[in-house]
Every structure is written in C-alpha cells, then in structure tokens.
Protein backbone atom coordinates (compact mmCIF):
# COMPACT_ATOMS: atom_id res chain seq x y z
CA MET A 1 -5.06 -80.81 12.93
CA VAL A 2 -3.92 -82.71 16.00
CA VAL A 3 -1.52 -81.28 18.59
CA ASP A 4 0.32 -83.92 20.64
CA CYS A 5 0.55 -82.88 24.28
CA LEU A 6 0.70 -86.43 25.64
CA ASP A 7 2.99 -87.78 28.34
CA ASN A 8 3.68 -91.31 27.09
CA TRP A 9 4.83 -93.02 23.92
CA PRO A 10 2.09 -95.69 23.57
CA ALA A 11 -0.57 -92.97 23.48
CA ARG A 12 1.49 -91.07 20.88
CA GLU A 13 1.59 -94.17 18.68
CA VAL A 14 -2.22 -94.34 18.76
CA LEU A 15 -2.48 -90.60 18.04
CA ASN A 16 -0.03 -90.94 15.14
CA ARG A 17 -2.05 -93.81 13.60
CA LEU A 18 -5.31 -91.88 13.91
CA ALA A 19 -3.87 -88.66 12.48
CA VAL A 20 -2.43 -90.57 9.49
CA LYS A 21 -5.64 -92.59 8.99
CA HIS A 22 -7.76 -89.43 8.96
CA ARG A 23 -5.09 -87.45 7.07
CA LYS A 24 -4.84 -84.74 9.69
CA PRO A 25 -1.58 -82.85 10.31
CA LEU A 26 0.01 -83.88 13.61
CA VAL A 27 2.16 -81.42 15.54
CA HIS A 28 4.33 -83.47 17.90
CA ALA A 29 6.62 -82.61 20.81
CA GLY A 30 8.03 -84.80 23.52
CA VAL A 31 10.18 -83.99 26.52
CA ALA A 32 12.27 -85.70 29.20
CA ARG A 33 14.55 -83.92 31.65
CA TRP A 34 16.44 -81.25 29.64
CA TYR A 35 15.83 -83.02 26.32
CA GLY A 36 13.06 -82.53 23.80
CA GLN A 37 12.05 -83.11 20.21
CA ALA A 38 9.44 -81.75 17.85
CA THR A 39 8.17 -82.42 14.33
CA THR A 40 5.09 -81.86 12.20
CA VAL A 41 3.63 -84.84 10.36
CA ILE A 42 1.75 -84.16 7.13
CA PRO A 43 0.16 -87.52 6.16
CA GLY A 44 1.13 -88.63 2.68
CA ARG A 45 3.98 -86.10 2.50
CA THR A 46 6.26 -86.35 5.51
CA ALA A 47 7.54 -89.03 7.82
CA CYS A 48 5.13 -90.05 10.56
CA LEU A 49 6.28 -90.90 14.09
CA ALA A 50 6.47 -94.61 13.20
CA CYS A 51 8.84 -93.73 10.32
CA ILE A 52 11.09 -91.75 12.65
CA TYR A 53 10.94 -94.26 15.51
CA PRO A 54 10.12 -97.67 14.00
CA LYS A 55 10.79 -99.44 17.31
CA GLY A 56 8.99 -96.82 19.40
CA MET A 57 10.56 -95.06 22.33
CA ARG A 58 11.59 -96.39 25.70
CA SER A 59 9.98 -94.33 28.41
CA GLU A 60 10.53 -94.08 32.10
CA THR A 61 7.66 -93.95 34.56
CA PRO A 62 7.27 -91.21 35.60
CA ILE A 63 9.32 -89.19 33.13
CA PRO A 64 11.24 -86.48 35.00
CA VAL A 65 10.94 -83.08 33.35
CA ILE A 66 12.82 -79.86 34.04
CA GLY A 67 10.36 -76.92 33.91
CA PRO A 68 11.74 -74.89 31.01
CA THR A 69 11.86 -77.89 28.66
CA PRO A 70 8.11 -78.21 28.01
CA GLY A 71 7.82 -74.43 27.94
CA VAL A 72 10.27 -74.12 25.06
CA LEU A 73 8.82 -77.01 23.09
CA GLY A 74 5.26 -75.91 23.82
CA ALA A 75 6.08 -72.60 22.14
CA VAL A 76 7.55 -74.48 19.16
CA GLU A 77 4.39 -76.62 18.92
CA ALA A 78 2.17 -73.52 19.11
CA ALA A 79 4.11 -71.84 16.28
CA GLU A 80 3.82 -74.98 14.13
CA ALA A 81 0.08 -75.25 14.84
CA ILE A 82 -0.48 -71.60 13.90
CA ARG A 83 1.39 -72.12 10.64
CA VAL A 84 -0.86 -75.11 9.81
CA LEU A 85 -4.00 -73.15 10.72
CA ILE A 86 -3.13 -70.15 8.55
CA GLY A 87 -2.12 -72.34 5.60
CA GLU A 88 1.64 -71.81 5.77
CA GLU A 89 4.14 -74.60 5.40
CA PRO A 90 5.13 -75.80 8.88
CA GLY A 91 8.84 -75.20 9.54
CA LEU A 92 9.27 -78.72 10.95
CA ALA A 93 7.44 -80.64 8.21
CA GLY A 94 9.92 -83.35 7.17
CA LYS A 95 12.33 -82.33 9.93
CA LEU A 96 12.98 -83.28 13.55
CA LEU A 97 14.04 -80.59 16.01
CA ILE A 98 16.22 -82.05 18.75
CA MET A 99 16.82 -79.88 21.79
CA ASP A 100 19.18 -80.35 24.73
CA LEU A 101 18.81 -77.44 27.13
CA SER A 102 21.53 -78.79 29.46
CA ALA A 103 24.02 -78.24 26.65
CA GLY A 104 22.24 -75.27 25.11
CA ALA A 105 22.03 -77.20 21.85
CA PHE A 106 19.42 -77.28 19.12
CA GLU A 107 19.73 -79.41 16.00
CA VAL A 108 17.36 -79.94 13.09
CA VAL A 109 17.66 -83.12 11.06
CA LYS A 110 15.75 -84.13 7.96
CA VAL A 111 13.46 -87.15 8.31
CA ARG A 112 12.11 -89.20 5.44
CA ARG A 113 9.05 -91.36 5.00
CA ARG A 114 9.69 -95.09 4.95
CA PRO A 115 7.85 -96.91 2.15
CA ASP A 116 7.62 -99.96 4.45
CA CYS A 117 6.15 -98.00 7.37
CA PRO A 118 3.18 -99.92 8.79
CA VAL A 119 1.37 -96.65 9.58
CA CYS A 120 1.86 -94.37 6.56
CA GLY A 121 3.61 -96.60 3.99
CA GLY A 122 0.30 -97.36 2.24
CA LEU A 123 -0.34 -93.70 1.47
CA GLY A 124 0.90 -92.48 -1.86
CA PHE A 125 3.89 -90.18 -1.70
CA GLY A 126 3.06 -86.54 -2.19
CA GLU A 127 -0.67 -87.00 -1.50
C-alpha cells in the first residue's frame, strides 16, 4: 500500500503511476486552505488519480493550508489505510470525499475508471 502525504500535484502523478504499475492500493488526500479531498485507488478496480483529474491539478506555490484541514484529512487517510491493512473494503474506494471546512461541508461523489486513462486504462476491469 502507498499513502500519499505529498505537497504537490506532479509528485502525486508519479506516485499514482507507480502505485498502478505495481498494483498497490493508493490512499490519497490533498489539501489547500480550508479545502481537501480524499480517495482510495485500488488498481484494476477503481478510478486512479489520472481518471479523476485527467488534466491534473493547478497548484499554487506555496499552497496555503489552514491547520485543521490536514488534520481532518490525515485522520481520514489513516482510517482508509487501516482498512486496507486489515483486509476490509476501504470506504473511499471508487469515491471521492470533498471537504470544505470553511462551509462545514462534506460531500462524497462516485468516481469511475476511464477506459481511455493513460495510467490505468490498460488494466482489465475488476482485476
């Protein structure tokens, strides 16, 4: 398993490619200001980061972060990682958690693999 604790999108793209290539689950979270997102990638089964963000993400340098934001998403990532380690289905596999602490809002949306994805599209579905 790989847990994404990176601070920039280009490094995440490399991590995503390596996790998919080696078929390792990837627990992802990213934060900026009051906003955050999290998902768990299961190669061959769920959308990878390139499926979810085919054009990547625009990032600011440096990305301003409000203290509680990484704390909340770090706890979400830890819970997902524990679920993977003990053999349970991760709650965010095939889903994207979107968090906006400034509005007190959490939303979970389903994400689907793209057959034309340059990173995971070559893997058979359901592998």
